Every structure is written in C-alpha cells, then in structure tokens.
C-alpha cells in the first residue's frame, strides 16, 4: 500500500489507498474519503471546516498520484 505524505500550505496531509477505488486523506483532525473514478478523484464527504483551496489541492494531488493512468 502506497502512502504519500505532503504539506499543503501549513497543513500536513497523509494520503493512502484504502481499496481499488477508495483513497483516504488524513489531516490533523479530519479524514476525507475520495473515490477515484475514470482517473479523477472526487471527495465523498467534506468537513465544513475545510478550506476550498485546500480541497482543490487535495483533489489534484489524489488525481495525480492515484488516478492518472501510467503510459508504460
């Protein structure tokens, strides 16, 4: 299982693939599940305290690392 740790602004984020289509983003106090369909990540639920810009960057990072098909 691949775990990616990164910092978005001043927020530390840990992203891991939970199943084939489910990716979990772990922030300090929140867990945000994302589903990856057709190479694009979409959040399943979003905490009301989450900044929209942070959500946009999280969605991009998950799409980039887990959604994009690799050309082998």
N, C-alpha and C. Protein backbone atom coordinates (compact mmCIF):
# COMPACT_ATOMS: atom_id res chain seq x y z
N UNK A 1 0.85 -1.17 0.00
CA UNK A 1 0.00 0.00 0.00
C UNK A 1 0.90 1.24 0.00
N UNK A 2 0.63 2.15 -0.90
CA UNK A 2 1.42 3.36 -1.03
C UNK A 2 0.81 4.47 -0.17
N UNK A 3 1.67 5.09 0.66
CA UNK A 3 1.25 6.22 1.49
C UNK A 3 2.08 7.42 1.06
N UNK A 4 1.41 8.52 0.83
CA UNK A 4 2.08 9.75 0.42
C UNK A 4 1.87 10.78 1.52
N UNK A 5 2.96 11.35 1.99
CA UNK A 5 2.89 12.41 2.99
C UNK A 5 3.37 13.70 2.34
N UNK A 6 2.57 14.75 2.50
CA UNK A 6 2.95 16.03 1.92
C UNK A 6 2.40 17.17 2.75
N UNK A 7 2.87 18.35 2.48
CA UNK A 7 2.41 19.54 3.16
C UNK A 7 1.74 20.46 2.14
N UNK A 8 0.50 20.80 2.41
CA UNK A 8 -0.24 21.74 1.57
C UNK A 8 -0.41 23.01 2.38
N UNK A 9 0.36 24.03 2.05
CA UNK A 9 0.37 25.24 2.87
C UNK A 9 1.03 24.90 4.19
N UNK A 10 0.31 25.11 5.28
CA UNK A 10 0.84 24.75 6.60
C UNK A 10 0.15 23.52 7.17
N UNK A 11 -0.51 22.74 6.33
CA UNK A 11 -1.26 21.56 6.76
C UNK A 11 -0.54 20.30 6.29
N UNK A 12 -0.23 19.42 7.21
CA UNK A 12 0.35 18.13 6.86
C UNK A 12 -0.75 17.16 6.47
N UNK A 13 -0.54 16.42 5.39
CA UNK A 13 -1.55 15.50 4.87
C UNK A 13 -0.90 14.15 4.61
N UNK A 14 -1.61 13.09 4.97
CA UNK A 14 -1.19 11.74 4.66
C UNK A 14 -2.27 11.14 3.77
N UNK A 15 -1.88 10.64 2.60
CA UNK A 15 -2.83 10.10 1.64
C UNK A 15 -2.50 8.63 1.41
N UNK A 16 -3.49 7.75 1.57
CA UNK A 16 -3.24 6.33 1.32
C UNK A 16 -4.42 5.71 0.59
N UNK A 17 -4.10 4.72 -0.20
CA UNK A 17 -5.11 4.00 -0.96
C UNK A 17 -5.69 2.92 -0.06
N UNK A 18 -7.00 2.94 0.13
CA UNK A 18 -7.66 2.01 1.03
C UNK A 18 -8.15 0.77 0.29
N UNK A 19 -8.67 0.96 -0.90
CA UNK A 19 -9.12 -0.15 -1.73
C UNK A 19 -8.90 0.25 -3.18
N UNK A 20 -9.47 -0.52 -4.10
CA UNK A 20 -9.23 -0.25 -5.52
C UNK A 20 -9.62 1.17 -5.92
N UNK A 21 -10.77 1.64 -5.47
CA UNK A 21 -11.27 2.95 -5.88
C UNK A 21 -11.33 3.97 -4.74
N UNK A 22 -10.95 3.58 -3.52
CA UNK A 22 -11.10 4.46 -2.37
C UNK A 22 -9.74 4.93 -1.87
N UNK A 23 -9.60 6.24 -1.71
CA UNK A 23 -8.38 6.85 -1.19
C UNK A 23 -8.77 7.70 0.01
N UNK A 24 -8.00 7.60 1.10
CA UNK A 24 -8.28 8.34 2.32
C UNK A 24 -7.21 9.41 2.50
N UNK A 25 -7.64 10.65 2.69
CA UNK A 25 -6.73 11.75 3.02
C UNK A 25 -6.88 12.03 4.51
N UNK A 26 -5.79 11.92 5.25
CA UNK A 26 -5.79 12.14 6.69
C UNK A 26 -5.15 13.48 7.00
N UNK A 27 -5.94 14.41 7.53
CA UNK A 27 -5.42 15.68 8.00
C UNK A 27 -5.28 15.58 9.51
N UNK A 28 -4.90 16.65 10.17
CA UNK A 28 -4.67 16.59 11.61
C UNK A 28 -5.89 16.07 12.36
N UNK A 29 -7.05 16.64 12.10
CA UNK A 29 -8.26 16.26 12.84
C UNK A 29 -9.34 15.65 11.96
N UNK A 30 -9.10 15.51 10.68
CA UNK A 30 -10.14 15.06 9.76
C UNK A 30 -9.64 13.94 8.86
N UNK A 31 -10.57 13.08 8.47
CA UNK A 31 -10.34 12.08 7.44
C UNK A 31 -11.31 12.37 6.32
N UNK A 32 -10.79 12.45 5.10
CA UNK A 32 -11.64 12.75 3.96
C UNK A 32 -11.53 11.60 2.96
N UNK A 33 -12.63 10.86 2.74
CA UNK A 33 -12.58 9.79 1.74
C UNK A 33 -12.79 10.34 0.33
N UNK A 34 -12.01 9.83 -0.60
CA UNK A 34 -12.14 10.19 -2.01
C UNK A 34 -12.38 8.92 -2.80
N UNK A 35 -13.20 9.00 -3.82
CA UNK A 35 -13.37 7.89 -4.75
C UNK A 35 -12.70 8.29 -6.06
N UNK A 36 -11.98 7.36 -6.65
CA UNK A 36 -11.29 7.62 -7.91
C UNK A 36 -12.03 6.87 -9.01
N UNK A 37 -12.71 7.63 -9.88
CA UNK A 37 -13.47 7.03 -10.99
C UNK A 37 -12.93 7.59 -12.29
N UNK A 38 -12.63 6.71 -13.21
CA UNK A 38 -12.14 7.08 -14.54
C UNK A 38 -10.95 8.04 -14.45
N UNK A 39 -10.10 7.81 -13.46
CA UNK A 39 -8.88 8.60 -13.34
C UNK A 39 -9.02 9.94 -12.66
N UNK A 40 -10.21 10.25 -12.12
CA UNK A 40 -10.44 11.54 -11.47
C UNK A 40 -10.93 11.31 -10.04
N UNK A 41 -10.34 12.03 -9.09
CA UNK A 41 -10.72 11.90 -7.68
C UNK A 41 -11.87 12.84 -7.35
N UNK A 42 -12.82 12.33 -6.55
CA UNK A 42 -13.94 13.14 -6.08
C UNK A 42 -14.13 12.85 -4.60
N UNK A 43 -14.27 13.90 -3.77
CA UNK A 43 -14.48 13.67 -2.34
C UNK A 43 -15.87 13.10 -2.09
N UNK A 44 -15.95 12.13 -1.17
CA UNK A 44 -17.25 11.56 -0.80
C UNK A 44 -17.94 12.42 0.25
N UNK A 45 -17.18 12.94 1.18
CA UNK A 45 -17.72 13.86 2.18
C UNK A 45 -16.64 14.87 2.53
N UNK A 46 -17.06 16.09 2.81
CA UNK A 46 -16.11 17.17 3.10
C UNK A 46 -16.50 17.82 4.42
N UNK A 47 -15.56 17.90 5.37
CA UNK A 47 -15.87 18.60 6.62
C UNK A 47 -16.13 20.09 6.36
N UNK A 48 -17.07 20.69 7.08
CA UNK A 48 -17.40 22.09 6.83
C UNK A 48 -16.24 23.05 7.14
N UNK A 49 -15.29 22.62 7.94
CA UNK A 49 -14.17 23.49 8.31
C UNK A 49 -13.05 23.49 7.28
N UNK A 50 -13.14 22.63 6.26
CA UNK A 50 -12.07 22.51 5.28
C UNK A 50 -12.10 23.66 4.28
N UNK A 51 -10.95 24.27 4.07
CA UNK A 51 -10.79 25.38 3.13
C UNK A 51 -10.97 24.87 1.70
N UNK A 52 -11.68 25.63 0.86
CA UNK A 52 -11.92 25.21 -0.53
C UNK A 52 -10.63 25.06 -1.32
N UNK A 53 -9.66 25.95 -1.08
CA UNK A 53 -8.40 25.86 -1.81
C UNK A 53 -7.64 24.59 -1.42
N UNK A 54 -7.66 24.24 -0.13
CA UNK A 54 -7.02 23.01 0.32
C UNK A 54 -7.70 21.79 -0.30
N UNK A 55 -9.03 21.81 -0.38
CA UNK A 55 -9.77 20.72 -1.01
C UNK A 55 -9.39 20.59 -2.48
N UNK A 56 -9.25 21.71 -3.18
CA UNK A 56 -8.86 21.68 -4.59
C UNK A 56 -7.47 21.05 -4.75
N UNK A 57 -6.53 21.44 -3.90
CA UNK A 57 -5.18 20.89 -3.98
C UNK A 57 -5.15 19.41 -3.62
N UNK A 58 -5.94 19.01 -2.63
CA UNK A 58 -6.03 17.59 -2.27
C UNK A 58 -6.58 16.78 -3.43
N UNK A 59 -7.64 17.27 -4.05
CA UNK A 59 -8.25 16.58 -5.18
C UNK A 59 -7.24 16.43 -6.32
N UNK A 60 -6.49 17.50 -6.59
CA UNK A 60 -5.48 17.44 -7.65
C UNK A 60 -4.41 16.41 -7.31
N UNK A 61 -3.92 16.43 -6.06
CA UNK A 61 -2.84 15.51 -5.66
C UNK A 61 -3.30 14.06 -5.76
N UNK A 62 -4.50 13.77 -5.31
CA UNK A 62 -5.00 12.39 -5.36
C UNK A 62 -5.22 11.96 -6.80
N UNK A 63 -5.77 12.85 -7.63
CA UNK A 63 -5.94 12.53 -9.05
C UNK A 63 -4.59 12.27 -9.69
N UNK A 64 -3.61 13.09 -9.37
CA UNK A 64 -2.28 12.95 -9.98
C UNK A 64 -1.59 11.66 -9.55
N UNK A 65 -1.62 11.33 -8.26
CA UNK A 65 -0.88 10.18 -7.76
C UNK A 65 -1.62 8.86 -7.92
N UNK A 66 -2.95 8.87 -7.81
CA UNK A 66 -3.70 7.62 -7.82
C UNK A 66 -4.64 7.45 -9.01
N UNK A 67 -4.98 8.53 -9.70
CA UNK A 67 -5.98 8.44 -10.74
C UNK A 67 -5.44 8.34 -12.14
N UNK A 68 -4.35 9.04 -12.41
CA UNK A 68 -3.82 9.08 -13.77
C UNK A 68 -3.32 7.72 -14.20
N UNK A 69 -3.67 7.35 -15.39
CA UNK A 69 -3.17 6.09 -15.95
C UNK A 69 -1.75 6.29 -16.42
N UNK A 70 -0.88 5.37 -16.09
CA UNK A 70 0.52 5.46 -16.50
C UNK A 70 0.67 4.88 -17.90
N UNK A 71 1.43 5.55 -18.74
CA UNK A 71 1.72 5.05 -20.08
C UNK A 71 2.99 4.22 -20.01
N UNK A 72 2.86 2.92 -19.95
CA UNK A 72 4.02 2.03 -19.86
C UNK A 72 4.54 1.66 -21.22
